[in-house]
Amino acid sequence: MKRDELRALGLTPEQINKVMILNGNDVNREKSRAKASPRLQDTCSTLLGLLHEPASLQTVLLCLMSCLREEAQKVTPGGGYEKPTPQNDPTGVHS
């Protein structure tokens, strides 16, 4: 996004500054997500390698649930997440 493009739309300098700040925030947020992606891919590759051993499947699923809970705490306001119950726990550990 360029200031000249916004000026051509008739925005005032103050409006342009606000738009640029909002756009910068969006860009920085997406950059952070992109940095996390390779780490997630490496983790998934490692976990898939473990699936060759049928006995390790439960351990892998528990690890994934833990990762999902950590991510939910980051995303959910207040860091809350739904506690596992037999109805919402795909691992079946809490049934």
N, C-alpha and C. Protein backbone atom coordinates (compact mmCIF):
# COMPACT_ATOMS: atom_id res chain seq x y z
N MET A 1 0.84 -1.16 0.00
CA MET A 1 0.00 0.00 0.00
C MET A 1 0.90 1.24 0.00
N LYS A 2 0.57 2.17 -0.86
CA LYS A 2 1.38 3.38 -0.98
C LYS A 2 0.56 4.61 -0.64
N ARG A 3 1.22 5.57 -0.04
CA ARG A 3 0.55 6.82 0.35
C ARG A 3 -0.05 7.55 -0.86
N ASP A 4 0.66 7.50 -1.99
CA ASP A 4 0.16 8.17 -3.20
C ASP A 4 -1.19 7.60 -3.64
N GLU A 5 -1.36 6.29 -3.49
CA GLU A 5 -2.62 5.65 -3.87
C GLU A 5 -3.75 6.14 -2.97
N LEU A 6 -3.45 6.28 -1.69
CA LEU A 6 -4.46 6.76 -0.75
C LEU A 6 -4.78 8.24 -0.97
N ARG A 7 -3.75 9.01 -1.29
CA ARG A 7 -3.96 10.43 -1.58
C ARG A 7 -4.86 10.58 -2.81
N ALA A 8 -4.66 9.69 -3.80
CA ALA A 8 -5.46 9.73 -5.03
C ALA A 8 -6.93 9.40 -4.74
N LEU A 9 -7.18 8.70 -3.66
CA LEU A 9 -8.56 8.39 -3.26
C LEU A 9 -9.21 9.55 -2.51
N GLY A 10 -8.44 10.60 -2.23
CA GLY A 10 -8.98 11.77 -1.57
C GLY A 10 -8.86 11.74 -0.06
N LEU A 11 -8.04 10.85 0.50
CA LEU A 11 -7.86 10.79 1.95
C LEU A 11 -6.98 11.94 2.41
N THR A 12 -7.25 12.42 3.62
CA THR A 12 -6.43 13.48 4.21
C THR A 12 -5.14 12.87 4.75
N PRO A 13 -4.11 13.69 5.01
CA PRO A 13 -2.87 13.15 5.57
C PRO A 13 -3.10 12.39 6.89
N GLU A 14 -4.02 12.87 7.72
CA GLU A 14 -4.31 12.18 8.99
C GLU A 14 -4.93 10.81 8.73
N GLN A 15 -5.85 10.76 7.78
CA GLN A 15 -6.49 9.49 7.43
C GLN A 15 -5.46 8.51 6.85
N ILE A 16 -4.58 9.04 6.01
CA ILE A 16 -3.54 8.20 5.41
C ILE A 16 -2.66 7.61 6.51
N ASN A 17 -2.27 8.43 7.48
CA ASN A 17 -1.43 7.93 8.58
C ASN A 17 -2.13 6.81 9.34
N LYS A 18 -3.41 6.98 9.62
CA LYS A 18 -4.16 5.94 10.35
C LYS A 18 -4.25 4.65 9.54
N VAL A 19 -4.51 4.79 8.24
CA VAL A 19 -4.59 3.60 7.38
C VAL A 19 -3.24 2.89 7.33
N MET A 20 -2.16 3.66 7.23
CA MET A 20 -0.82 3.06 7.17
C MET A 20 -0.49 2.32 8.47
N ILE A 21 -0.90 2.88 9.59
CA ILE A 21 -0.66 2.21 10.88
C ILE A 21 -1.44 0.90 10.94
N LEU A 22 -2.71 0.93 10.55
CA LEU A 22 -3.52 -0.29 10.55
C LEU A 22 -2.92 -1.34 9.62
N ASN A 23 -2.51 -0.91 8.45
CA ASN A 23 -1.91 -1.83 7.49
C ASN A 23 -0.61 -2.41 8.03
N GLY A 24 0.21 -1.57 8.67
CA GLY A 24 1.46 -2.05 9.25
C GLY A 24 1.22 -3.09 10.34
N ASN A 25 0.20 -2.88 11.15
CA ASN A 25 -0.15 -3.85 12.18
C ASN A 25 -0.55 -5.18 11.55
N ASP A 26 -1.35 -5.13 10.49
CA ASP A 26 -1.76 -6.36 9.79
C ASP A 26 -0.56 -7.09 9.21
N VAL A 27 0.33 -6.34 8.57
CA VAL A 27 1.51 -6.94 7.95
C VAL A 27 2.39 -7.61 9.02
N ASN A 28 2.62 -6.93 10.12
CA ASN A 28 3.45 -7.50 11.18
C ASN A 28 2.83 -8.74 11.80
N ARG A 29 1.51 -8.75 11.96
CA ARG A 29 0.83 -9.93 12.50
C ARG A 29 1.01 -11.12 11.56
N GLU A 30 0.86 -10.89 10.27
CA GLU A 30 1.01 -11.98 9.29
C GLU A 30 2.45 -12.45 9.21
N LYS A 31 3.41 -11.55 9.38
CA LYS A 31 4.82 -11.96 9.39
C LYS A 31 5.08 -12.90 10.57
N SER A 32 4.49 -12.59 11.72
CA SER A 32 4.66 -13.44 12.90
C SER A 32 4.07 -14.82 12.65
N ARG A 33 2.93 -14.87 12.02
CA ARG A 33 2.30 -16.16 11.71
C ARG A 33 3.17 -16.95 10.73
N ALA A 34 3.74 -16.26 9.76
CA ALA A 34 4.58 -16.94 8.76
C ALA A 34 5.84 -17.53 9.40
N LYS A 35 6.39 -16.85 10.40
CA LYS A 35 7.57 -17.37 11.09
C LYS A 35 7.24 -18.64 11.86
N ALA A 36 6.03 -18.74 12.38
CA ALA A 36 5.63 -19.92 13.16
C ALA A 36 5.37 -21.12 12.25
N SER A 37 5.03 -20.89 11.01
CA SER A 37 4.64 -21.96 10.10
C SER A 37 5.74 -23.00 9.87
N PRO A 38 7.00 -22.63 9.59
CA PRO A 38 8.03 -23.65 9.40
C PRO A 38 8.22 -24.52 10.65
N ARG A 39 8.12 -23.93 11.82
CA ARG A 39 8.27 -24.70 13.06
C ARG A 39 7.14 -25.73 13.16
N LEU A 40 5.93 -25.32 12.80
CA LEU A 40 4.80 -26.23 12.83
C LEU A 40 5.00 -27.36 11.82
N GLN A 41 5.51 -27.04 10.65
CA GLN A 41 5.77 -28.07 9.63
C GLN A 41 6.81 -29.07 10.12
N ASP A 42 7.87 -28.59 10.76
CA ASP A 42 8.89 -29.49 11.31
C ASP A 42 8.29 -30.40 12.37
N THR A 43 7.47 -29.83 13.24
CA THR A 43 6.83 -30.61 14.30
C THR A 43 5.93 -31.68 13.70
N CYS A 44 5.15 -31.31 12.70
CA CYS A 44 4.26 -32.28 12.06
C CYS A 44 5.04 -33.41 11.40
N SER A 45 6.14 -33.07 10.75
CA SER A 45 6.97 -34.11 10.12
C SER A 45 7.50 -35.08 11.16
N THR A 46 7.96 -34.55 12.28
CA THR A 46 8.46 -35.40 13.37
C THR A 46 7.35 -36.30 13.90
N LEU A 47 6.18 -35.72 14.11
CA LEU A 47 5.06 -36.51 14.64
C LEU A 47 4.62 -37.58 13.65
N LEU A 48 4.61 -37.27 12.37
CA LEU A 48 4.24 -38.26 11.37
C LEU A 48 5.24 -39.42 11.35
N GLY A 49 6.50 -39.10 11.57
CA GLY A 49 7.51 -40.15 11.66
C GLY A 49 7.25 -41.11 12.81
N LEU A 50 6.71 -40.59 13.90
CA LEU A 50 6.41 -41.41 15.06
C LEU A 50 5.22 -42.35 14.83
N LEU A 51 4.40 -42.03 13.86
CA LEU A 51 3.20 -42.82 13.62
C LEU A 51 3.50 -44.20 13.02
N HIS A 52 4.74 -44.44 12.64
CA HIS A 52 5.11 -45.75 12.13
C HIS A 52 5.01 -46.81 13.23
N GLU A 53 5.09 -46.37 14.48
CA GLU A 53 4.96 -47.26 15.62
C GLU A 53 3.53 -47.13 16.16
N PRO A 54 2.69 -48.13 15.96
CA PRO A 54 1.30 -48.02 16.43
C PRO A 54 1.18 -47.71 17.92
N ALA A 55 2.12 -48.19 18.72
CA ALA A 55 2.03 -47.96 20.17
C ALA A 55 2.23 -46.50 20.53
N SER A 56 2.87 -45.74 19.67
CA SER A 56 3.15 -44.34 20.00
C SER A 56 2.01 -43.39 19.59
N LEU A 57 0.98 -43.91 18.94
CA LEU A 57 -0.12 -43.07 18.45
C LEU A 57 -0.78 -42.28 19.59
N GLN A 58 -1.04 -42.90 20.73
CA GLN A 58 -1.68 -42.19 21.83
C GLN A 58 -0.79 -41.06 22.34
N THR A 59 0.51 -41.31 22.43
CA THR A 59 1.44 -40.27 22.89
C THR A 59 1.43 -39.09 21.93
N VAL A 60 1.41 -39.38 20.64
CA VAL A 60 1.38 -38.32 19.63
C VAL A 60 0.09 -37.51 19.76
N LEU A 61 -1.03 -38.18 19.93
CA LEU A 61 -2.30 -37.47 20.07
C LEU A 61 -2.33 -36.60 21.32
N LEU A 62 -1.78 -37.10 22.41
CA LEU A 62 -1.73 -36.29 23.63
C LEU A 62 -0.86 -35.06 23.44
N CYS A 63 0.23 -35.22 22.72
CA CYS A 63 1.11 -34.07 22.43
C CYS A 63 0.37 -33.04 21.58
N LEU A 64 -0.35 -33.51 20.57
CA LEU A 64 -1.12 -32.60 19.72
C LEU A 64 -2.18 -31.85 20.52
N MET A 65 -2.87 -32.56 21.40
CA MET A 65 -3.88 -31.91 22.23
C MET A 65 -3.25 -30.82 23.09
N SER A 66 -2.07 -31.10 23.62
CA SER A 66 -1.38 -30.11 24.44
C SER A 66 -1.04 -28.88 23.61
N CYS A 67 -0.56 -29.10 22.39
CA CYS A 67 -0.23 -27.97 21.50
C CYS A 67 -1.48 -27.16 21.17
N LEU A 68 -2.58 -27.86 20.90
CA LEU A 68 -3.83 -27.17 20.58
C LEU A 68 -4.32 -26.34 21.76
N ARG A 69 -4.17 -26.87 22.97
CA ARG A 69 -4.57 -26.11 24.16
C ARG A 69 -3.73 -24.86 24.31
N GLU A 70 -2.41 -24.99 24.08
CA GLU A 70 -1.53 -23.82 24.16
C GLU A 70 -1.94 -22.77 23.15
N GLU A 71 -2.25 -23.19 21.93
CA GLU A 71 -2.67 -22.24 20.90
C GLU A 71 -4.01 -21.60 21.27
N ALA A 72 -4.92 -22.37 21.85
CA ALA A 72 -6.22 -21.83 22.25
C ALA A 72 -6.04 -20.78 23.33
N GLN A 73 -5.09 -20.97 24.22
CA GLN A 73 -4.84 -19.99 25.27
C GLN A 73 -4.33 -18.68 24.68
N LYS A 74 -3.56 -18.76 23.60
CA LYS A 74 -3.04 -17.56 22.94
C LYS A 74 -4.16 -16.81 22.22
N VAL A 75 -5.10 -17.56 21.64
CA VAL A 75 -6.13 -16.98 20.79
C VAL A 75 -7.34 -16.52 21.58
N THR A 76 -7.74 -17.29 22.57
CA THR A 76 -8.96 -17.01 23.31
C THR A 76 -8.74 -15.88 24.31
N PRO A 77 -9.60 -14.86 24.32
CA PRO A 77 -9.46 -13.80 25.31
C PRO A 77 -9.46 -14.38 26.72
N GLY A 78 -8.53 -13.94 27.52
CA GLY A 78 -8.42 -14.44 28.89
C GLY A 78 -7.66 -15.74 28.99
N GLY A 79 -7.23 -16.28 27.84
CA GLY A 79 -6.44 -17.51 27.85
C GLY A 79 -7.24 -18.74 28.19
N GLY A 80 -8.55 -18.65 28.17
CA GLY A 80 -9.35 -19.81 28.55
C GLY A 80 -9.53 -20.78 27.40
N TYR A 81 -9.84 -21.99 27.74
CA TYR A 81 -10.18 -22.98 26.75
C TYR A 81 -11.15 -23.97 27.37
N GLU A 82 -11.83 -24.66 26.52
CA GLU A 82 -12.81 -25.62 26.99
C GLU A 82 -12.08 -26.82 27.57
N LYS A 83 -12.39 -27.17 28.81
CA LYS A 83 -11.74 -28.30 29.45
C LYS A 83 -12.22 -29.59 28.80
N PRO A 84 -11.29 -30.58 28.66
CA PRO A 84 -11.66 -31.83 28.02
C PRO A 84 -12.77 -32.55 28.78
N THR A 85 -13.73 -33.02 28.04
CA THR A 85 -14.79 -33.86 28.57
C THR A 85 -14.91 -35.04 27.62
N PRO A 86 -15.60 -36.08 27.99
CA PRO A 86 -15.76 -37.20 27.05
C PRO A 86 -16.36 -36.76 25.72
N GLN A 87 -17.18 -35.69 25.72
CA GLN A 87 -17.82 -35.25 24.48
C GLN A 87 -16.88 -34.49 23.56
N ASN A 88 -15.93 -33.73 24.12
CA ASN A 88 -15.07 -32.90 23.26
C ASN A 88 -13.62 -33.34 23.25
N ASP A 89 -13.29 -34.50 23.82
CA ASP A 89 -11.91 -34.97 23.87
C ASP A 89 -11.71 -36.08 22.84
N PRO A 90 -11.13 -35.75 21.65
CA PRO A 90 -10.99 -36.76 20.61
C PRO A 90 -10.01 -37.87 20.98
N THR A 91 -9.16 -37.66 21.99
CA THR A 91 -8.21 -38.71 22.36
C THR A 91 -8.87 -39.81 23.15
N GLY A 92 -10.02 -39.50 23.76
CA GLY A 92 -10.70 -40.49 24.57
C GLY A 92 -10.09 -40.70 25.92
N VAL A 93 -9.06 -39.90 26.26
CA VAL A 93 -8.36 -40.04 27.53
C VAL A 93 -9.25 -39.71 28.71
N HIS A 94 -10.17 -38.75 28.51
CA HIS A 94 -11.01 -38.28 29.60
C HIS A 94 -12.39 -38.96 29.62
N SER A 95 -12.53 -40.05 28.89
CA SER A 95 -13.83 -40.71 28.89
C SER A 95 -13.95 -41.74 29.98
